[in-house]
Amino acid sequence: MSKVCPVCNEIRDIRTICGNCGGSCVDKGRVQDYFDDYSADMPIQDTENYCFHVFQCESCNELMRKSVLKVDI
């Protein structure tokens, strides 16, 4: 069995609460996609069980990094 990120593969939508203001945060993509202009084209760099995403608060625009548990397919 292989594991995939449920957010990257649109299996599940994850929202989180902002630690700064308590607002709702939305997914802005994988952390890796923010490294440079070509990082989205590079092989995915994550762990066997987690994918790391950037979330942004809809109220205060605070950015946070969150690990997303991969699921078996």
PDB file of N, CA and C in Angstrom:
ATOM      1  N   MET A   1       0.826  -1.171   0.000  1.00  0.00           N
ATOM      2  CA  MET A   1       0.000   0.000   0.000  1.00  0.00           C
ATOM      3  C   MET A   1       0.880   1.247   0.000  1.00  0.00           C
ATOM      4  N   SER A   2       0.464   2.253  -0.724  1.00  0.00           N
ATOM      5  CA  SER A   2       1.226   3.501  -0.714  1.00  0.00           C
ATOM      6  C   SER A   2       0.436   4.580   0.018  1.00  0.00           C
ATOM      7  N   LYS A   3       1.151   5.614   0.430  1.00  0.00           N
ATOM      8  CA  LYS A   3       0.527   6.709   1.166  1.00  0.00           C
ATOM      9  C   LYS A   3       0.559   7.966   0.314  1.00  0.00           C
ATOM     10  N   VAL A   4      -0.527   8.741   0.396  1.00  0.00           N
ATOM     11  CA  VAL A   4      -0.618  10.002  -0.338  1.00  0.00           C
ATOM     12  C   VAL A   4      -1.130  11.087   0.600  1.00  0.00           C
ATOM     13  N   CYS A   5      -0.846  12.305   0.243  1.00  0.00           N
ATOM     14  CA  CYS A   5      -1.350  13.438   1.011  1.00  0.00           C
ATOM     15  C   CYS A   5      -2.810  13.673   0.621  1.00  0.00           C
ATOM     16  N   PRO A   6      -3.728  13.682   1.586  1.00  0.00           N
ATOM     17  CA  PRO A   6      -5.138  13.878   1.258  1.00  0.00           C
ATOM     18  C   PRO A   6      -5.445  15.293   0.773  1.00  0.00           C
ATOM     19  N   VAL A   7      -4.604  16.260   1.127  1.00  0.00           N
ATOM     20  CA  VAL A   7      -4.823  17.639   0.685  1.00  0.00           C
ATOM     21  C   VAL A   7      -4.331  17.811  -0.748  1.00  0.00           C
ATOM     22  N   CYS A   8      -3.120  17.359  -1.043  1.00  0.00           N
ATOM     23  CA  CYS A   8      -2.572  17.462  -2.403  1.00  0.00           C
ATOM     24  C   CYS A   8      -3.439  16.723  -3.416  1.00  0.00           C
ATOM     25  N   ASN A   9      -4.021  15.609  -2.998  1.00  0.00           N
ATOM     26  CA  ASN A   9      -4.810  14.773  -3.900  1.00  0.00           C
ATOM     27  C   ASN A   9      -6.312  15.036  -3.814  1.00  0.00           C
ATOM     28  N   GLU A  10      -6.677  16.133  -3.148  1.00  0.00           N
ATOM     29  CA  GLU A  10      -8.069  16.585  -3.037  1.00  0.00           C
ATOM     30  C   GLU A  10      -9.017  15.513  -2.500  1.00  0.00           C
ATOM     31  N   ILE A  11      -8.506  14.680  -1.594  1.00  0.00           N
ATOM     32  CA  ILE A  11      -9.329  13.684  -0.922  1.00  0.00           C
ATOM     33  C   ILE A  11     -10.067  14.343   0.244  1.00  0.00           C
ATOM     34  N   ARG A  12      -9.397  15.307   0.856  1.00  0.00           N
ATOM     35  CA  ARG A  12      -9.964  15.978   2.024  1.00  0.00           C
ATOM     36  C   ARG A  12      -9.487  17.427   2.046  1.00  0.00           C
ATOM     37  N   ASP A  13     -10.365  18.326   2.467  1.00  0.00           N
ATOM     38  CA  ASP A  13     -10.038  19.740   2.638  1.00  0.00           C
ATOM     39  C   ASP A  13      -9.767  19.967   4.117  1.00  0.00           C
ATOM     40  N   ILE A  14      -8.597  20.487   4.435  1.00  0.00           N
ATOM     41  CA  ILE A  14      -8.247  20.704   5.836  1.00  0.00           C
ATOM     42  C   ILE A  14      -8.205  22.199   6.116  1.00  0.00           C
ATOM     43  N   ARG A  15      -8.860  22.584   7.178  1.00  0.00           N
ATOM     44  CA  ARG A  15      -8.801  23.957   7.667  1.00  0.00           C
ATOM     45  C   ARG A  15      -8.259  23.906   9.081  1.00  0.00           C
ATOM     46  N   THR A  16      -7.597  24.963   9.464  1.00  0.00           N
ATOM     47  CA  THR A  16      -7.034  25.029  10.806  1.00  0.00           C
ATOM     48  C   THR A  16      -7.312  26.406  11.387  1.00  0.00           C
ATOM     49  N   ILE A  17      -7.089  26.557  12.670  1.00  0.00           N
ATOM     50  CA  ILE A  17      -7.338  27.811  13.368  1.00  0.00           C
ATOM     51  C   ILE A  17      -6.023  28.572  13.531  1.00  0.00           C
ATOM     52  N   CYS A  18      -6.068  29.870  13.290  1.00  0.00           N
ATOM     53  CA  CYS A  18      -4.893  30.729  13.409  1.00  0.00           C
ATOM     54  C   CYS A  18      -4.485  30.867  14.873  1.00  0.00           C
ATOM     55  N   GLY A  19      -3.217  30.655  15.152  1.00  0.00           N
ATOM     56  CA  GLY A  19      -2.702  30.817  16.506  1.00  0.00           C
ATOM     57  C   GLY A  19      -2.549  32.271  16.895  1.00  0.00           C
ATOM     58  N   ASN A  20      -2.589  33.170  15.907  1.00  0.00           N
ATOM     59  CA  ASN A  20      -2.419  34.595  16.147  1.00  0.00           C
ATOM     60  C   ASN A  20      -3.734  35.274  16.532  1.00  0.00           C
ATOM     61  N   CYS A  21      -4.808  35.026  15.750  1.00  0.00           N
ATOM     62  CA  CYS A  21      -6.072  35.736  15.977  1.00  0.00           C
ATOM     63  C   CYS A  21      -7.279  34.820  16.167  1.00  0.00           C
ATOM     64  N   GLY A  22      -7.116  33.517  15.942  1.00  0.00           N
ATOM     65  CA  GLY A  22      -8.228  32.584  16.092  1.00  0.00           C
ATOM     66  C   GLY A  22      -9.089  32.456  14.852  1.00  0.00           C
ATOM     67  N   GLY A  23      -8.682  33.109  13.763  1.00  0.00           N
ATOM     68  CA  GLY A  23      -9.433  33.035  12.511  1.00  0.00           C
ATOM     69  C   GLY A  23      -9.236  31.701  11.810  1.00  0.00           C
ATOM     70  N   SER A  24      -9.965  31.517  10.735  1.00  0.00           N
ATOM     71  CA  SER A  24      -9.885  30.287   9.946  1.00  0.00           C
ATOM     72  C   SER A  24      -8.750  30.392   8.931  1.00  0.00           C
ATOM     73  N   CYS A  25      -7.963  29.330   8.808  1.00  0.00           N
ATOM     74  CA  CYS A  25      -6.839  29.300   7.866  1.00  0.00           C
ATOM     75  C   CYS A  25      -7.141  28.343   6.720  1.00  0.00           C
ATOM     76  N   VAL A  26      -6.687  28.699   5.537  1.00  0.00           N
ATOM     77  CA  VAL A  26      -6.884  27.869   4.355  1.00  0.00           C
ATOM     78  C   VAL A  26      -5.534  27.417   3.808  1.00  0.00           C
ATOM     79  N   ASP A  27      -5.541  26.284   3.137  1.00  0.00           N
ATOM     80  CA  ASP A  27      -4.331  25.708   2.553  1.00  0.00           C
ATOM     81  C   ASP A  27      -3.849  26.555   1.390  1.00  0.00           C
ATOM     82  N   LYS A  28      -2.549  26.825   1.360  1.00  0.00           N
ATOM     83  CA  LYS A  28      -1.926  27.576   0.274  1.00  0.00           C
ATOM     84  C   LYS A  28      -0.915  26.741  -0.498  1.00  0.00           C
ATOM     85  N   GLY A  29      -0.892  25.427  -0.257  1.00  0.00           N
ATOM     86  CA  GLY A  29       0.000  24.549  -1.000  1.00  0.00           C
ATOM     87  C   GLY A  29       1.125  23.991  -0.152  1.00  0.00           C
ATOM     88  N   ARG A  30       1.943  23.178  -0.798  1.00  0.00           N
ATOM     89  CA  ARG A  30       3.071  22.540  -0.112  1.00  0.00           C
ATOM     90  C   ARG A  30       4.148  23.560   0.225  1.00  0.00           C
ATOM     91  N   VAL A  31       4.810  23.362   1.340  1.00  0.00           N
ATOM     92  CA  VAL A  31       5.910  24.232   1.750  1.00  0.00           C
ATOM     93  C   VAL A  31       6.963  24.276   0.651  1.00  0.00           C
ATOM     94  N   GLN A  32       7.246  23.135   0.052  1.00  0.00           N
ATOM     95  CA  GLN A  32       8.262  23.024  -0.996  1.00  0.00           C
ATOM     96  C   GLN A  32       8.000  23.978  -2.160  1.00  0.00           C
ATOM     97  N   ASP A  33       6.739  24.263  -2.458  1.00  0.00           N
ATOM     98  CA  ASP A  33       6.393  25.126  -3.589  1.00  0.00           C
ATOM     99  C   ASP A  33       6.839  26.566  -3.386  1.00  0.00           C
ATOM    100  N   TYR A  34       7.222  26.939  -2.181  1.00  0.00           N
ATOM    101  CA  TYR A  34       7.628  28.305  -1.869  1.00  0.00           C
ATOM    102  C   TYR A  34       9.143  28.498  -1.888  1.00  0.00           C
ATOM    103  N   PHE A  35       9.908  27.449  -2.169  1.00  0.00           N
ATOM    104  CA  PHE A  35      11.368  27.556  -2.143  1.00  0.00           C
ATOM    105  C   PHE A  35      11.909  28.483  -3.223  1.00  0.00           C
ATOM    106  N   ASP A  36      11.521  28.267  -4.473  1.00  0.00           N
ATOM    107  CA  ASP A  36      11.949  29.130  -5.575  1.00  0.00           C
ATOM    108  C   ASP A  36      11.001  28.946  -6.754  1.00  0.00           C
ATOM    109  N   ASP A  37      11.286  29.621  -7.865  1.00  0.00           N
ATOM    110  CA  ASP A  37      10.385  29.613  -9.023  1.00  0.00           C
ATOM    111  C   ASP A  37      10.170  28.229  -9.630  1.00  0.00           C
ATOM    112  N   TYR A  38      11.144  27.335  -9.501  1.00  0.00           N
ATOM    113  CA  TYR A  38      11.058  26.028 -10.151  1.00  0.00           C
ATOM    114  C   TYR A  38      10.766  24.883  -9.181  1.00  0.00           C
ATOM    115  N   SER A  39      10.561  25.191  -7.923  1.00  0.00           N
ATOM    116  CA  SER A  39      10.396  24.129  -6.927  1.00  0.00           C
ATOM    117  C   SER A  39       9.135  23.297  -7.137  1.00  0.00           C
ATOM    118  N   ALA A  40       8.106  23.865  -7.743  1.00  0.00           N
ATOM    119  CA  ALA A  40       6.876  23.090  -7.995  1.00  0.00           C
ATOM    120  C   ALA A  40       7.122  21.955  -8.987  1.00  0.00           C
ATOM    121  N   ASP A  41       8.165  22.095  -9.806  1.00  0.00           N
ATOM    122  CA  ASP A  41       8.492  21.072 -10.802  1.00  0.00           C
ATOM    123  C   ASP A  41       9.452  20.011 -10.268  1.00  0.00           C
ATOM    124  N   MET A  42       9.963  20.211  -9.070  1.00  0.00           N
ATOM    125  CA  MET A  42      10.925  19.275  -8.490  1.00  0.00           C
ATOM    126  C   MET A  42      10.200  18.086  -7.860  1.00  0.00           C
ATOM    127  N   PRO A  43      10.896  16.970  -7.658  1.00  0.00           N
ATOM    128  CA  PRO A  43      10.277  15.834  -6.960  1.00  0.00           C
ATOM    129  C   PRO A  43       9.810  16.259  -5.568  1.00  0.00           C
ATOM    130  N   ILE A  44       8.729  15.664  -5.114  1.00  0.00           N
ATOM    131  CA  ILE A  44       8.170  16.016  -3.813  1.00  0.00           C
ATOM    132  C   ILE A  44       9.132  15.607  -2.707  1.00  0.00           C
ATOM    133  N   GLN A  45       9.417  16.551  -1.804  1.00  0.00           N
ATOM    134  CA  GLN A  45      10.311  16.292  -0.679  1.00  0.00           C
ATOM    135  C   GLN A  45       9.483  16.327   0.601  1.00  0.00           C
ATOM    136  N   ASP A  46       9.107  15.190   1.074  1.00  0.00           N
ATOM    137  CA  ASP A  46       8.366  15.091   2.321  1.00  0.00           C
ATOM    138  C   ASP A  46       8.772  13.806   3.021  1.00  0.00           C
ATOM    139  N   THR A  47       8.104  13.482   4.091  1.00  0.00           N
ATOM    140  CA  THR A  47       8.434  12.250   4.804  1.00  0.00           C
ATOM    141  C   THR A  47       7.471  11.147   4.384  1.00  0.00           C
ATOM    142  N   GLU A  48       7.726   9.956   4.868  1.00  0.00           N
ATOM    143  CA  GLU A  48       6.882   8.814   4.513  1.00  0.00           C
ATOM    144  C   GLU A  48       5.448   8.989   5.006  1.00  0.00           C
ATOM    145  N   ASN A  49       5.276   9.641   6.146  1.00  0.00           N
ATOM    146  CA  ASN A  49       3.949   9.739   6.754  1.00  0.00           C
ATOM    147  C   ASN A  49       3.320  11.124   6.726  1.00  0.00           C
ATOM    148  N   TYR A  50       4.099  12.157   6.386  1.00  0.00           N
ATOM    149  CA  TYR A  50       3.582  13.521   6.442  1.00  0.00           C
ATOM    150  C   TYR A  50       3.942  14.320   5.197  1.00  0.00           C
ATOM    151  N   CYS A  51       3.054  15.257   4.857  1.00  0.00           N
ATOM    152  CA  CYS A  51       3.294  16.239   3.806  1.00  0.00           C
ATOM    153  C   CYS A  51       3.167  17.602   4.488  1.00  0.00           C
ATOM    154  N   PHE A  52       4.046  18.532   4.175  1.00  0.00           N
ATOM    155  CA  PHE A  52       4.058  19.813   4.873  1.00  0.00           C
ATOM    156  C   PHE A  52       3.443  20.904   4.002  1.00  0.00           C
ATOM    157  N   HIS A  53       2.444  21.588   4.561  1.00  0.00           N
ATOM    158  CA  HIS A  53       1.691  22.606   3.836  1.00  0.00           C
ATOM    159  C   HIS A  53       1.773  23.954   4.535  1.00  0.00           C
ATOM    160  N   VAL A  54       1.566  25.011   3.741  1.00  0.00           N
ATOM    161  CA  VAL A  54       1.454  26.370   4.261  1.00  0.00           C
ATOM    162  C   VAL A  54      -0.029  26.703   4.341  1.00  0.00           C
ATOM    163  N   PHE A  55      -0.447  27.234   5.483  1.00  0.00           N
ATOM    164  CA  PHE A  55      -1.818  27.689   5.674  1.00  0.00           C
ATOM    165  C   PHE A  55      -1.782  29.182   5.952  1.00  0.00           C
ATOM    166  N   GLN A  56      -2.798  29.904   5.440  1.00  0.00           N
ATOM    167  CA  GLN A  56      -2.872  31.344   5.647  1.00  0.00           C
ATOM    168  C   GLN A  56      -4.202  31.710   6.292  1.00  0.00           C
ATOM    169  N   CYS A  57      -4.126  32.577   7.299  1.00  0.00           N
ATOM    170  CA  CYS A  57      -5.326  33.028   7.999  1.00  0.00           C
ATOM    171  C   CYS A  57      -6.114  33.967   7.091  1.00  0.00           C
ATOM    172  N   GLU A  58      -7.411  33.751   7.015  1.00  0.00           N
ATOM    173  CA  GLU A  58      -8.271  34.603   6.196  1.00  0.00           C
ATOM    174  C   GLU A  58      -8.522  35.957   6.849  1.00  0.00           C
ATOM    175  N   SER A  59      -8.239  36.082   8.144  1.00  0.00           N
ATOM    176  CA  SER A  59      -8.480  37.340   8.856  1.00  0.00           C
ATOM    177  C   SER A  59      -7.237  38.223   8.927  1.00  0.00           C
ATOM    178  N   CYS A  60      -6.128  37.678   9.435  1.00  0.00           N
ATOM    179  CA  CYS A  60      -4.928  38.500   9.648  1.00  0.00           C
ATOM    180  C   CYS A  60      -3.798  38.192   8.664  1.00  0.00           C
ATOM    181  N   ASN A  61      -4.001  37.223   7.769  1.00  0.00           N
ATOM    182  CA  ASN A  61      -3.018  36.821   6.750  1.00  0.00           C
ATOM    183  C   ASN A  61      -1.753  36.172   7.308  1.00  0.00           C
ATOM    184  N   GLU A  62      -1.771  35.785   8.570  1.00  0.00           N
ATOM    185  CA  GLU A  62      -0.638  35.071   9.172  1.00  0.00           C
ATOM    186  C   GLU A  62      -0.417  33.757   8.418  1.00  0.00           C
ATOM    187  N   LEU A  63       0.851  33.425   8.143  1.00  0.00           N
ATOM    188  CA  LEU A  63       1.194  32.163   7.494  1.00  0.00           C
ATOM    189  C   LEU A  63       1.697  31.186   8.541  1.00  0.00           C
ATOM    190  N   MET A  64       1.328  29.921   8.390  1.00  0.00           N
ATOM    191  CA  MET A  64       1.831  28.889   9.293  1.00  0.00           C
ATOM    192  C   MET A  64       2.087  27.609   8.518  1.00  0.00           C
ATOM    193  N   ARG A  65       3.011  26.834   9.020  1.00  0.00           N
ATOM    194  CA  ARG A  65       3.340  25.540   8.428  1.00  0.00           C
ATOM    195  C   ARG A  65       2.668  24.457   9.251  1.00  0.00           C
ATOM    196  N   LYS A  66       2.074  23.489   8.567  1.00  0.00           N
ATOM    197  CA  LYS A  66       1.368  22.405   9.265  1.00  0.00           C
ATOM    198  C   LYS A  66       1.680  21.090   8.566  1.00  0.00           C
ATOM    199  N   SER A  67       1.917  20.052   9.352  1.00  0.00           N
ATOM    200  CA  SER A  67       2.127  18.727   8.775  1.00  0.00           C
ATOM    201  C   SER A  67       0.773  18.056   8.592  1.00  0.00           C
ATOM    202  N   VAL A  68       0.591  17.434   7.440  1.00  0.00           N
ATOM    203  CA  VAL A  68      -0.654  16.740   7.110  1.00  0.00           C
ATOM    204  C   VAL A  68      -0.342  15.249   7.051  1.00  0.00           C
ATOM    205  N   LEU A  69      -1.066  14.470   7.827  1.00  0.00           N
ATOM    206  CA  LEU A  69      -0.863  13.022   7.870  1.00  0.00           C
ATOM    207  C   LEU A  69      -1.322  12.390   6.560  1.00  0.00           C
ATOM    208  N   LYS A  70      -0.438  11.613   5.952  1.00  0.00           N
ATOM    209  CA  LYS A  70      -0.794  10.926   4.709  1.00  0.00           C
ATOM    210  C   LYS A  70      -1.742   9.768   4.996  1.00  0.00           C
ATOM    211  N   VAL A  71      -2.507   9.379   3.981  1.00  0.00           N
ATOM    212  CA  VAL A  71      -3.462   8.276   4.117  1.00  0.00           C
ATOM    213  C   VAL A  71      -3.065   7.144   3.176  1.00  0.00           C
ATOM    214  N   ASP A  72      -3.442   5.928   3.532  1.00  0.00           N
ATOM    215  CA  ASP A  72      -3.185   4.758   2.693  1.00  0.00           C
ATOM    216  C   ASP A  72      -4.182   4.717   1.545  1.00  0.00           C
ATOM    217  N   ILE A  73      -3.679   4.330   0.366  1.00  0.00           N
ATOM    218  CA  ILE A  73      -4.587   4.116  -0.772  1.00  0.00           C
ATOM    219  C   ILE A  73      -4.368   2.725  -1.318  1.00  0.00           C
TER     220      ILE A  73
END
